[in-house]
């Protein structure tokens, strides 16, 4: 599916050399990949799953499918299609090589957190309407990794009305530290790795001091939920998932009361 947005996105000509061979936008629409639970399994609600700086790549698609298997209608937007596209109109889908880090950071900087949070709010609202139309529980979680972890947090601090998630989960979101003074309107969780070279533990402590409960630290590095990658840590990943599902169960009960 594809969503069209009612505003122009940021564009930076400074990023153009870094982003070759893609054509730099801005563009006003983006693809959203949808993942559903197995046939016959009821839908518990929706998740807007927010990518790392590597785009809607193989890992994010596989992770979205896993969350769908737990009973969620999952929408995974291709955020970077708003910034750059190839000749076929597709956004960048990157790997984890050094060059990909450079390109991913340029894409994220070009899009910017302000626009990313606005876009996420729009997607949350659209997903909520889809759930309602399908006679499914219209609770929505925003869940993101790395860059997406910060965007998930900002969707909860800046969302308005039905575009605000009912809860959020932020995995190793480095930029949460930069925005730690913002107040979420809904409960959420933060998952960090104690050996994360990108997020020093003093920054995690500062986030905990600003945000209170819900900040968890695992004996792992950055990207510990990235299945199939050297950074993957099974025990930490499974515990973080269990805590996230427990939070969702609390949101379900609170909504039903």
Foldseek 3Di string as FASTA:
>chain_A
DKDFADDQFFADPVCVVLQPPWDFDQDGMWDKDKEAAPPPAAAQEEEEEEEALQFCAPLVVVVQNVVRNVRHTYIYIRVLLSTTADPVSDGGHGDPDPSSVSNSVSSDVRRDLVNLLVVQLVVLLVRLVVCVVVVHPSAYEYEYAACSLLSSQSNQQPHDDSSRHQEYEGENHQCCLVVLQGAGPHYYAYEAECAEPSHHVVSLVSSCVSHPPRYDYDPFYGPCLRPPDPRHDVVSNVVSVVVRVVVVVVSSVVVVD
